[in-house]
Amino acid sequence: MGQTFKVPHTLILLLGMMVVALFATWLVPQGFFETSLTETGREMVVAGTYQTVAERHYLTPWDLLKAIPRAFAAAQDVIFFVLIVGGVLAIARATGTVDALIGRLLERHGSQPQRLIFMVVFCFALASSSIGTAGEYIPFVLILVALCKAMRLDAMTAVGMIVAGYGIGYGVSAFNPFTVLIAQQIAEIPVYSGLWLRLAIFIPFVLIGFHHVWQYAKKVSDDPSKSMMVGVPCPLAGQEQPSYPQLEARHKLILGSFIITLTIAVWGIATQGWYLYELGGVFIAWGAVIAVLGRLSADETANRFIEGVSDLVTTAVLIGVARGIALILEDGQILHSLVHGMSLPLSYVSAEISAIGMLVIQTVLNTFIPSGSGQAYVTMPLMAPLGDLVGVPRQVAVLAYQFGDGFSNMIIPTNAVLMGILGMAGVPYGHWFRFCLPLLLKLMLAASIVLVLAVMFGYGLDVQPTAVTG
């Protein structure tokens, strides 16, 4: 008695969500939409074809247990990428490059952390908005954690900068090929149409994210006891240095090779269809370059790589288990039932309320379908024609999808990228939830206002549906 509530370990929370998902498969009607294949081989649901299954199939606790190793297999690309990045960054840290870079950044921005926070949030939001970067931010986690630590901030601030930029960039995306392009194709409107509004709201939403992170950072800087990370072990504990090495020529060469590596990665994603397997190979190659430029022996390189990988085993486990939640819902055949059930009430309310309802639906569904493109293929074939019936322009339906998918990416535990970032930074999910929820609510309020105004002023009414091209 008298004990204060303690948030369970993130692994316990995720396992608990898997159990809840299992119970949901026993209660929610099982059903499905018919699907068709796109030219890229992705399945897309066909509106108006929902039907319940003739004979209900019940998942058992044994199915739940089997879902865990299956989830690890399904999330293997993210898991391996996180482990590889952890190992390669450990090699980079052994050369002193990371510490030298931190020292240089402290010289330039140490007295103005607000400038650093804005730069990171803005740049990451711009990258996510334009080319859809997400997992590519993982290499920056430990660097920013170390930098924040040196500036008398904490790991929560570092994660806040990264995830706020990532989520806002996806939410107000201008060109993201994994969300905007696919959703507009499915909605049968010209690709990248309606660009002016998405560009206009980019800076205001970035400022919302920056303000939230900066207000917290300022509070921690003024009084470290107010940090949410008090009592939580830092992944860089025991690595404090009273002074930072000078940025030497070899450090500059290694940093230059990092920029080249990122450039190659962006080129591969944009033009060659690369994803995490290819990016993992690029980072392994970069690790070899680091070892040569940093004059590390083969044995030391191997030892440092293994140390970096071992530090992220917990993160890998969390990513795998998080994937299991959606797997249970898929096996239980209730994902399409959830989409169908949530969309029905929208036909009975005004167009403005329907637009907000679409935002809420997309936000909730992202928990179960944490893939932006996957969510588009499941929801947009339903939301686009539904919008026609209730007076919501298809352009607004796409915008509601963007907001719901992007902003909720910052908080849903089924998002493997988020769990990877939190695990690498040593931030417990419960702590992150308390930090991020107010930001999510601010963004959702702003998004709702934008959607209502978009409906009122006929955003997208000048765009006629076209034939689907993909």
Protein backbone atom coordinates (compact mmCIF):
# COMPACT_ATOMS: atom_id res chain seq x y z
CA MET A 1 0.00 0.00 0.00
CA GLY A 2 1.11 3.56 -0.57
CA GLN A 3 3.34 2.60 -3.48
CA THR A 4 3.26 4.92 -6.49
CA PHE A 5 2.37 3.46 -9.87
CA LYS A 6 5.39 2.51 -11.94
CA VAL A 7 5.12 2.28 -15.71
CA PRO A 8 5.98 -1.30 -16.73
CA HIS A 9 8.97 -2.09 -18.91
CA THR A 10 8.33 -1.39 -22.59
CA LEU A 11 8.56 -5.11 -23.38
CA ILE A 12 5.76 -5.82 -20.89
CA LEU A 13 3.61 -3.09 -22.45
CA LEU A 14 4.08 -4.55 -25.93
CA LEU A 15 3.35 -8.09 -24.81
CA GLY A 16 0.24 -6.78 -23.06
CA MET A 17 -0.89 -5.14 -26.29
CA MET A 18 -0.44 -8.46 -28.08
CA VAL A 19 -2.73 -10.11 -25.53
CA VAL A 20 -5.32 -7.34 -26.00
CA ALA A 21 -5.08 -7.83 -29.77
CA LEU A 22 -5.71 -11.56 -29.28
CA PHE A 23 -8.85 -10.84 -27.21
CA ALA A 24 -9.99 -8.39 -29.91
CA THR A 25 -9.89 -11.16 -32.51
CA TRP A 26 -12.42 -13.07 -30.38
CA LEU A 27 -14.82 -10.10 -30.09
CA VAL A 28 -14.60 -8.05 -33.29
CA PRO A 29 -16.43 -9.51 -36.31
CA GLN A 30 -14.06 -11.13 -38.75
CA GLY A 31 -14.37 -9.84 -42.29
CA PHE A 32 -12.54 -8.66 -45.34
CA PHE A 33 -12.66 -6.51 -48.46
CA GLU A 34 -11.84 -7.96 -51.83
CA THR A 35 -8.44 -6.81 -53.04
CA SER A 36 -6.79 -6.13 -56.37
CA LEU A 37 -3.12 -5.97 -57.28
CA THR A 38 -1.53 -2.71 -58.39
CA GLU A 39 1.16 -2.53 -61.07
CA THR A 40 3.77 -2.58 -58.29
CA GLY A 41 2.37 -5.80 -56.84
CA ARG A 42 0.76 -4.21 -53.77
CA GLU A 43 -2.70 -5.31 -52.64
CA MET A 44 -5.38 -2.59 -52.63
CA VAL A 45 -8.85 -3.06 -51.15
CA VAL A 46 -11.90 -2.64 -53.38
CA ALA A 47 -14.50 -0.25 -51.94
CA GLY A 48 -17.98 -1.66 -51.35
CA THR A 49 -16.88 -5.30 -51.17
CA TYR A 50 -16.74 -5.81 -47.39
CA GLN A 51 -18.17 -9.10 -46.15
CA THR A 52 -17.92 -11.09 -42.96
CA VAL A 53 -16.33 -14.53 -42.98
CA ALA A 54 -18.70 -17.45 -43.23
CA GLU A 55 -17.09 -19.45 -40.41
CA ARG A 56 -15.30 -17.68 -37.57
CA HIS A 57 -11.72 -18.78 -36.85
CA TYR A 58 -10.47 -18.27 -33.31
CA LEU A 59 -6.82 -17.59 -32.60
CA THR A 60 -5.43 -19.33 -29.53
CA PRO A 61 -2.72 -18.45 -27.00
CA TRP A 62 -0.51 -20.84 -28.97
CA ASP A 63 -1.01 -18.63 -32.03
CA LEU A 64 0.09 -15.65 -29.94
CA LEU A 65 3.28 -17.40 -28.88
CA LYS A 66 4.06 -18.38 -32.48
CA ALA A 67 3.41 -14.80 -33.58
CA ILE A 68 6.42 -13.56 -31.62
CA PRO A 69 9.13 -15.36 -33.65
CA ARG A 70 7.11 -14.74 -36.82
CA ALA A 71 7.11 -11.03 -35.96
CA PHE A 72 10.89 -11.07 -35.60
CA ALA A 73 11.11 -12.57 -39.08
CA ALA A 74 8.69 -9.97 -40.47
CA ALA A 75 10.68 -7.10 -38.92
CA GLN A 76 14.10 -8.52 -39.72
CA ASP A 77 15.04 -5.72 -42.13
CA VAL A 78 14.58 -3.04 -39.47
CA ILE A 79 16.22 -5.17 -36.77
CA PHE A 80 19.32 -5.90 -38.82
CA PHE A 81 19.62 -2.29 -39.94
CA VAL A 82 19.50 -1.03 -36.35
CA LEU A 83 22.12 -3.56 -35.23
CA ILE A 84 24.40 -2.73 -38.16
CA VAL A 85 24.13 1.01 -37.54
CA GLY A 86 24.88 0.48 -33.85
CA GLY A 87 28.00 -1.51 -34.68
CA VAL A 88 29.25 0.96 -37.29
CA LEU A 89 28.69 3.96 -35.01
CA ALA A 90 30.69 2.20 -32.30
CA ILE A 91 33.58 1.98 -34.78
CA ALA A 92 33.20 5.70 -35.56
CA ARG A 93 33.19 6.54 -31.86
CA ALA A 94 36.41 4.55 -31.34
CA THR A 95 38.21 6.88 -33.76
CA GLY A 96 37.31 9.92 -31.66
CA THR A 97 35.40 11.48 -34.56
CA VAL A 98 32.07 11.69 -32.73
CA ASP A 99 33.63 13.34 -29.68
CA ALA A 100 35.60 15.77 -31.85
CA LEU A 101 32.44 16.69 -33.76
CA ILE A 102 30.54 17.24 -30.51
CA GLY A 103 33.32 19.49 -29.26
CA ARG A 104 33.17 21.57 -32.44
CA LEU A 105 29.38 21.86 -32.27
CA LEU A 106 29.59 22.90 -28.63
CA GLU A 107 31.99 25.67 -29.58
CA ARG A 108 29.50 27.02 -32.12
CA HIS A 109 26.11 26.27 -30.53
CA GLY A 110 26.83 25.45 -26.88
CA SER A 111 25.40 28.73 -25.65
CA GLN A 112 22.38 28.63 -28.00
CA PRO A 113 20.74 25.20 -27.80
CA GLN A 114 17.51 26.60 -29.22
CA ARG A 115 19.29 27.18 -32.53
CA LEU A 116 20.46 23.56 -32.62
CA ILE A 117 17.00 22.25 -31.76
CA PHE A 118 15.34 24.28 -34.52
CA MET A 119 17.95 23.23 -37.08
CA VAL A 120 17.51 19.52 -36.30
CA VAL A 121 13.70 19.62 -36.25
CA PHE A 122 13.58 21.65 -39.47
CA CYS A 123 16.14 19.57 -41.39
CA PHE A 124 14.63 16.22 -40.38
CA ALA A 125 11.11 17.46 -41.18
CA LEU A 126 12.31 18.67 -44.58
CA ALA A 127 13.93 15.31 -45.35
CA SER A 128 10.84 13.34 -44.31
CA SER A 129 8.55 15.69 -46.22
CA SER A 130 10.52 15.48 -49.44
CA ILE A 131 11.98 11.97 -49.74
CA GLY A 132 10.32 10.06 -46.90
CA THR A 133 13.35 9.41 -44.69
CA ALA A 134 12.66 7.62 -41.41
CA GLY A 135 14.98 4.77 -40.42
CA GLU A 136 17.86 6.79 -41.85
CA TYR A 137 17.72 8.97 -38.71
CA ILE A 138 18.85 6.13 -36.48
CA PRO A 139 22.58 6.85 -37.06
CA PHE A 140 22.07 10.32 -35.56
CA VAL A 141 20.57 9.15 -32.25
CA LEU A 142 23.70 8.53 -30.18
CA ILE A 143 25.42 11.59 -31.65
CA LEU A 144 22.55 13.86 -30.59
CA VAL A 145 22.22 12.15 -27.20
CA ALA A 146 25.91 12.80 -26.54
CA LEU A 147 25.60 16.38 -27.75
CA CYS A 148 22.55 17.08 -25.57
CA LYS A 149 24.28 15.53 -22.60
CA ALA A 150 27.25 17.86 -23.09
CA MET A 151 24.84 20.84 -23.27
CA ARG A 152 23.25 19.94 -19.90
CA LEU A 153 20.14 18.59 -21.61
CA ASP A 154 18.98 14.96 -21.72
CA ALA A 155 18.25 12.04 -24.03
CA MET A 156 14.56 13.00 -24.16
CA THR A 157 15.51 16.28 -25.82
CA ALA A 158 17.61 14.44 -28.41
CA VAL A 159 14.80 12.02 -29.23
CA GLY A 160 12.29 14.89 -29.26
CA MET A 161 14.28 16.72 -31.93
CA ILE A 162 14.51 13.63 -34.14
CA VAL A 163 10.98 12.29 -33.77
CA ALA A 164 9.25 15.68 -33.93
CA GLY A 165 10.99 16.38 -37.23
CA TYR A 166 10.28 12.88 -38.53
CA GLY A 167 6.58 12.86 -37.60
CA ILE A 168 5.83 16.42 -38.68
CA GLY A 169 7.66 15.91 -41.96
CA TYR A 170 5.50 12.89 -42.75
CA GLY A 171 2.33 14.63 -41.56
CA VAL A 172 2.69 17.74 -43.75
CA SER A 173 4.63 16.00 -46.49
CA ALA A 174 4.94 17.80 -49.79
CA PHE A 175 6.54 15.14 -52.00
CA ASN A 176 6.93 11.97 -49.90
CA PRO A 177 6.83 9.13 -52.46
CA PHE A 178 5.71 6.57 -49.85
CA THR A 179 2.62 8.49 -48.70
CA VAL A 180 1.51 11.48 -50.79
CA LEU A 181 2.24 9.92 -54.17
CA ILE A 182 0.56 6.61 -53.36
CA ALA A 183 -2.47 8.14 -51.62
CA GLN A 184 -3.14 10.58 -54.46
CA GLN A 185 -2.82 7.83 -57.04
CA ILE A 186 -5.34 5.68 -55.15
CA ALA A 187 -7.68 8.67 -54.70
CA GLU A 188 -7.46 9.17 -58.49
CA ILE A 189 -6.29 12.78 -58.32
CA PRO A 190 -3.19 14.19 -60.06
CA VAL A 191 0.04 13.29 -58.29
CA TYR A 192 1.46 16.15 -56.19
CA SER A 193 -1.60 18.33 -56.83
CA GLY A 194 -2.63 20.63 -53.97
CA LEU A 195 1.02 21.31 -53.25
CA TRP A 196 0.53 24.97 -52.30
CA LEU A 197 -1.34 24.18 -49.07
CA ARG A 198 1.12 21.54 -47.91
CA LEU A 199 4.00 23.96 -48.48
CA ALA A 200 2.13 26.76 -46.69
CA ILE A 201 1.55 24.76 -43.50
CA PHE A 202 5.05 23.24 -43.32
CA ILE A 203 6.74 26.00 -41.29
CA PRO A 204 3.82 26.56 -38.85
CA PHE A 205 3.75 22.86 -37.97
CA VAL A 206 7.55 22.73 -37.65
CA LEU A 207 7.34 25.67 -35.23
CA ILE A 208 4.81 23.76 -33.11
CA GLY A 209 7.26 20.87 -32.83
CA PHE A 210 10.24 23.14 -32.17
CA HIS A 211 8.39 25.06 -29.45
CA HIS A 212 7.38 21.87 -27.65
CA VAL A 213 10.90 20.43 -27.62
CA TRP A 214 12.53 23.76 -26.73
CA GLN A 215 10.17 24.44 -23.81
CA TYR A 216 11.09 21.07 -22.32
CA ALA A 217 14.80 21.53 -23.03
CA LYS A 218 14.80 24.98 -21.38
CA LYS A 219 13.13 23.54 -18.29
CA VAL A 220 15.76 20.80 -18.03
CA SER A 221 18.59 23.26 -18.64
CA ASP A 222 17.33 25.55 -15.87
CA ASP A 223 16.68 22.71 -13.42
CA PRO A 224 18.07 19.22 -14.30
CA SER A 225 15.89 17.67 -11.58
CA LYS A 226 12.86 18.34 -13.81
CA SER A 227 14.16 16.01 -16.50
CA MET A 228 11.90 13.05 -17.29
CA MET A 229 15.06 10.96 -17.50
CA VAL A 230 16.07 11.31 -13.86
CA GLY A 231 16.99 7.83 -12.61
CA VAL A 232 17.01 6.32 -16.11
CA PRO A 233 20.43 4.95 -17.19
CA CYS A 234 21.96 6.86 -20.09
CA PRO A 235 23.34 4.73 -22.96
CA LEU A 236 26.51 6.83 -22.79
CA ALA A 237 26.99 6.45 -19.04
CA GLY A 238 30.63 6.16 -18.10
CA GLN A 239 31.77 7.79 -21.34
CA GLU A 240 32.02 11.35 -20.04
CA GLN A 241 35.05 13.25 -21.14
CA PRO A 242 36.33 16.40 -19.39
CA SER A 243 37.49 17.74 -22.74
CA TYR A 244 36.91 16.96 -26.38
CA PRO A 245 39.65 16.19 -28.91
CA GLN A 246 40.46 18.63 -31.68
CA LEU A 247 38.83 17.99 -35.03
CA GLU A 248 41.80 16.60 -36.95
CA ALA A 249 42.21 15.87 -40.65
CA ARG A 250 41.33 12.18 -40.23
CA HIS A 251 38.15 13.14 -38.37
CA LYS A 252 37.18 15.46 -41.21
CA LEU A 253 37.80 12.67 -43.71
CA ILE A 254 35.56 10.33 -41.72
CA LEU A 255 32.83 12.99 -41.52
CA GLY A 256 33.22 13.55 -45.25
CA SER A 257 32.81 9.83 -45.86
CA PHE A 258 29.63 9.94 -43.74
CA ILE A 259 28.18 12.67 -45.96
CA ILE A 260 29.11 10.63 -49.04
CA THR A 261 27.46 7.57 -47.47
CA LEU A 262 24.23 9.48 -46.84
CA THR A 263 24.33 10.89 -50.37
CA ILE A 264 24.66 7.39 -51.82
CA ALA A 265 21.82 6.21 -49.58
CA VAL A 266 19.52 9.04 -50.69
CA TRP A 267 20.41 8.38 -54.35
CA GLY A 268 19.68 4.68 -53.94
CA ILE A 269 16.33 5.32 -52.27
CA ALA A 270 15.26 7.91 -54.83
CA THR A 271 16.42 6.22 -58.03
CA GLN A 272 17.14 2.54 -57.37
CA GLY A 273 14.34 1.53 -55.03
CA TRP A 274 16.72 0.79 -52.17
CA TYR A 275 15.52 0.18 -48.66
CA LEU A 276 16.97 -1.20 -45.43
CA TYR A 277 18.89 -4.20 -46.81
CA GLU A 278 20.74 -1.99 -49.27
CA LEU A 279 21.22 0.74 -46.68
CA GLY A 280 22.66 -1.83 -44.28
CA GLY A 281 25.19 -2.81 -46.92
CA VAL A 282 26.12 0.84 -47.48
CA PHE A 283 26.73 1.35 -43.76
CA ILE A 284 28.85 -1.80 -43.52
CA ALA A 285 31.00 -0.40 -46.31
CA TRP A 286 31.21 2.90 -44.44
CA GLY A 287 32.35 1.02 -41.33
CA ALA A 288 35.26 -0.43 -43.29
CA VAL A 289 36.17 3.03 -44.57
CA ILE A 290 36.08 4.40 -41.01
CA ALA A 291 38.43 1.68 -39.79
CA VAL A 292 40.96 2.50 -42.51
CA LEU A 293 40.77 6.28 -42.09
CA GLY A 294 40.79 5.97 -38.29
CA ARG A 295 43.78 3.60 -38.35
CA LEU A 296 42.02 0.91 -36.33
CA SER A 297 43.33 -2.65 -36.37
CA ALA A 298 41.13 -5.45 -37.67
CA ASP A 299 40.68 -6.90 -34.18
CA GLU A 300 39.77 -3.55 -32.63
CA THR A 301 37.31 -2.87 -35.44
CA ALA A 302 35.64 -6.24 -34.89
CA ASN A 303 35.50 -5.78 -31.10
CA ARG A 304 34.01 -2.31 -31.39
CA PHE A 305 31.42 -3.50 -33.92
CA ILE A 306 30.32 -6.35 -31.64
CA GLU A 307 30.10 -3.98 -28.67
CA GLY A 308 27.88 -1.62 -30.66
CA VAL A 309 25.63 -4.46 -31.79
CA SER A 310 25.33 -5.90 -28.27
CA ASP A 311 24.26 -2.51 -26.90
CA LEU A 312 21.20 -2.62 -29.17
CA VAL A 313 19.96 -6.16 -28.58
CA THR A 314 17.20 -4.83 -26.31
CA THR A 315 16.12 -2.44 -29.05
CA ALA A 316 15.99 -5.30 -31.56
CA VAL A 317 13.76 -7.32 -29.24
CA LEU A 318 11.33 -4.42 -28.82
CA ILE A 319 11.11 -3.88 -32.58
CA GLY A 320 10.32 -7.55 -33.16
CA VAL A 321 7.63 -7.77 -30.48
CA ALA A 322 6.03 -4.50 -31.67
CA ARG A 323 5.50 -6.04 -35.11
CA GLY A 324 3.65 -8.92 -33.48
CA ILE A 325 0.66 -6.74 -32.55
CA ALA A 326 -0.28 -6.06 -36.18
CA LEU A 327 0.47 -9.68 -37.03
CA ILE A 328 -2.16 -10.90 -34.54
CA LEU A 329 -4.76 -8.53 -36.00
CA GLU A 330 -3.95 -9.66 -39.53
CA ASP A 331 -4.16 -13.35 -38.62
CA GLY A 332 -7.44 -12.73 -36.79
CA GLN A 333 -8.96 -11.10 -39.90
CA ILE A 334 -10.21 -8.02 -38.06
CA LEU A 335 -8.14 -5.23 -39.66
CA HIS A 336 -10.64 -4.71 -42.49
CA SER A 337 -13.51 -4.97 -40.00
CA LEU A 338 -12.01 -2.14 -37.95
CA VAL A 339 -11.67 0.03 -41.07
CA HIS A 340 -15.24 -0.74 -42.17
CA GLY A 341 -16.74 -0.15 -38.74
CA MET A 342 -14.99 3.17 -38.15
CA SER A 343 -15.87 4.59 -41.58
CA LEU A 344 -19.64 3.98 -41.37
CA PRO A 345 -20.51 6.87 -38.97
CA LEU A 346 -18.89 9.43 -41.28
CA SER A 347 -21.82 9.23 -43.70
CA TYR A 348 -24.16 10.72 -41.05
CA VAL A 349 -22.32 13.96 -40.15
CA SER A 350 -21.34 17.22 -41.87
CA ALA A 351 -18.44 17.43 -44.30
CA GLU A 352 -16.29 19.34 -41.81
CA ILE A 353 -16.88 16.78 -39.06
CA SER A 354 -16.33 13.96 -41.55
CA ALA A 355 -12.90 15.38 -42.41
CA ILE A 356 -11.95 15.40 -38.72
CA GLY A 357 -13.40 11.90 -38.41
CA MET A 358 -11.12 10.75 -41.23
CA LEU A 359 -8.17 12.18 -39.31
CA VAL A 360 -9.16 10.27 -36.18
CA ILE A 361 -9.68 7.03 -38.13
CA GLN A 362 -6.31 7.30 -39.86
CA THR A 363 -4.63 8.03 -36.52
CA VAL A 364 -6.16 4.98 -34.85
CA LEU A 365 -5.53 2.67 -37.79
CA ASN A 366 -1.86 3.63 -37.94
CA THR A 367 -1.44 1.73 -34.67
CA PHE A 368 -2.45 -1.45 -36.45
CA ILE A 369 -0.99 -0.65 -39.88
CA PRO A 370 2.25 1.22 -39.07
CA SER A 371 3.28 1.39 -42.71
CA GLY A 372 2.42 4.61 -44.51
CA SER A 373 2.04 2.99 -47.91
CA GLY A 374 0.27 -0.05 -46.44
CA GLN A 375 -2.22 2.19 -44.66
CA ALA A 376 -2.87 4.10 -47.88
CA TYR A 377 -3.67 0.89 -49.78
CA VAL A 378 -6.12 -0.21 -47.06
CA THR A 379 -7.89 3.08 -46.28
CA MET A 380 -7.79 5.40 -49.29
CA PRO A 381 -9.91 3.18 -51.60
CA LEU A 382 -12.64 3.60 -48.95
CA MET A 383 -12.07 7.19 -47.83
CA ALA A 384 -11.89 8.73 -51.32
CA PRO A 385 -15.36 7.61 -52.51
CA LEU A 386 -16.78 8.13 -49.01
CA GLY A 387 -15.58 11.72 -49.22
CA ASP A 388 -17.52 12.12 -52.47
CA LEU A 389 -20.71 11.08 -50.66
CA VAL A 390 -20.30 13.37 -47.64
CA GLY A 391 -18.85 16.43 -49.40
CA VAL A 392 -15.18 16.02 -48.45
CA PRO A 393 -12.94 16.68 -51.49
CA ARG A 394 -10.57 13.82 -52.24
CA GLN A 395 -7.64 16.19 -51.76
CA VAL A 396 -8.82 16.77 -48.18
CA ALA A 397 -9.21 13.02 -47.62
CA VAL A 398 -5.57 12.59 -48.66
CA LEU A 399 -4.54 15.39 -46.31
CA ALA A 400 -6.41 13.73 -43.43
CA TYR A 401 -4.56 10.50 -44.19
CA GLN A 402 -1.22 12.33 -44.15
CA PHE A 403 -1.92 14.01 -40.82
CA GLY A 404 -3.17 10.82 -39.17
CA ASP A 405 -0.33 8.65 -40.43
CA GLY A 406 2.51 11.12 -39.88
CA PHE A 407 1.70 12.57 -36.48
CA SER A 408 0.76 9.25 -34.87
CA ASN A 409 4.10 7.81 -36.04
CA MET A 410 5.60 9.78 -33.17
CA ILE A 411 3.79 7.84 -30.44
CA ILE A 412 2.50 4.43 -31.55
CA PRO A 413 4.54 1.55 -30.06
CA THR A 414 4.03 -0.53 -33.21
CA ASN A 415 6.25 1.86 -35.17
CA ALA A 416 9.55 0.00 -35.49
CA VAL A 417 11.52 3.15 -36.31
CA LEU A 418 10.25 4.91 -33.18
CA MET A 419 11.01 1.91 -30.97
CA GLY A 420 14.49 1.70 -32.51
CA ILE A 421 15.18 5.37 -31.76
CA LEU A 422 13.86 5.10 -28.20
CA GLY A 423 15.84 1.93 -27.54
CA MET A 424 19.06 3.37 -28.88
CA ALA A 425 18.64 6.53 -26.77
CA GLY A 426 17.66 4.57 -23.66
CA VAL A 427 14.29 6.37 -23.34
CA PRO A 428 11.53 4.14 -21.84
CA TYR A 429 8.33 4.17 -23.87
CA GLY A 430 6.21 5.26 -20.88
CA HIS A 431 8.40 8.34 -20.38
CA TRP A 432 8.27 9.12 -24.09
CA PHE A 433 4.47 8.80 -24.13
CA ARG A 434 4.17 11.45 -21.41
CA PHE A 435 6.49 13.76 -23.34
CA CYS A 436 4.93 13.23 -26.76
CA LEU A 437 1.19 13.13 -26.00
CA PRO A 438 0.86 16.92 -25.47
CA LEU A 439 2.72 17.52 -28.74
CA LEU A 440 0.47 15.07 -30.58
CA LEU A 441 -2.64 16.82 -29.22
CA LYS A 442 -1.33 20.24 -30.35
CA LEU A 443 -0.64 18.89 -33.83
CA MET A 444 -4.02 17.16 -34.02
CA LEU A 445 -5.80 20.38 -33.03
CA ALA A 446 -3.90 22.35 -35.68
CA ALA A 447 -4.58 19.60 -38.24
CA SER A 448 -8.31 19.66 -37.44
CA ILE A 449 -8.42 23.42 -38.00
CA VAL A 450 -6.63 23.04 -41.34
CA LEU A 451 -9.03 20.28 -42.44
CA VAL A 452 -12.13 22.29 -41.51
CA LEU A 453 -10.84 25.34 -43.38
CA ALA A 454 -9.85 23.16 -46.34
CA VAL A 455 -13.41 21.82 -46.60
CA MET A 456 -14.97 25.27 -46.12
CA PHE A 457 -12.85 26.88 -48.83
CA GLY A 458 -13.11 23.95 -51.26
CA TYR A 459 -9.49 22.81 -51.23
CA GLY A 460 -9.14 20.30 -54.05
CA LEU A 461 -12.53 20.92 -55.67
CA ASP A 462 -10.73 22.16 -58.77
CA VAL A 463 -9.09 18.75 -59.18
CA GLN A 464 -11.04 16.15 -61.15
CA PRO A 465 -10.47 12.43 -60.47
CA THR A 466 -8.19 10.83 -63.02
CA ALA A 467 -7.42 7.25 -63.94
CA VAL A 468 -5.21 5.44 -61.47
CA THR A 469 -1.69 5.11 -62.81
CA GLY A 470 -0.16 2.82 -60.22
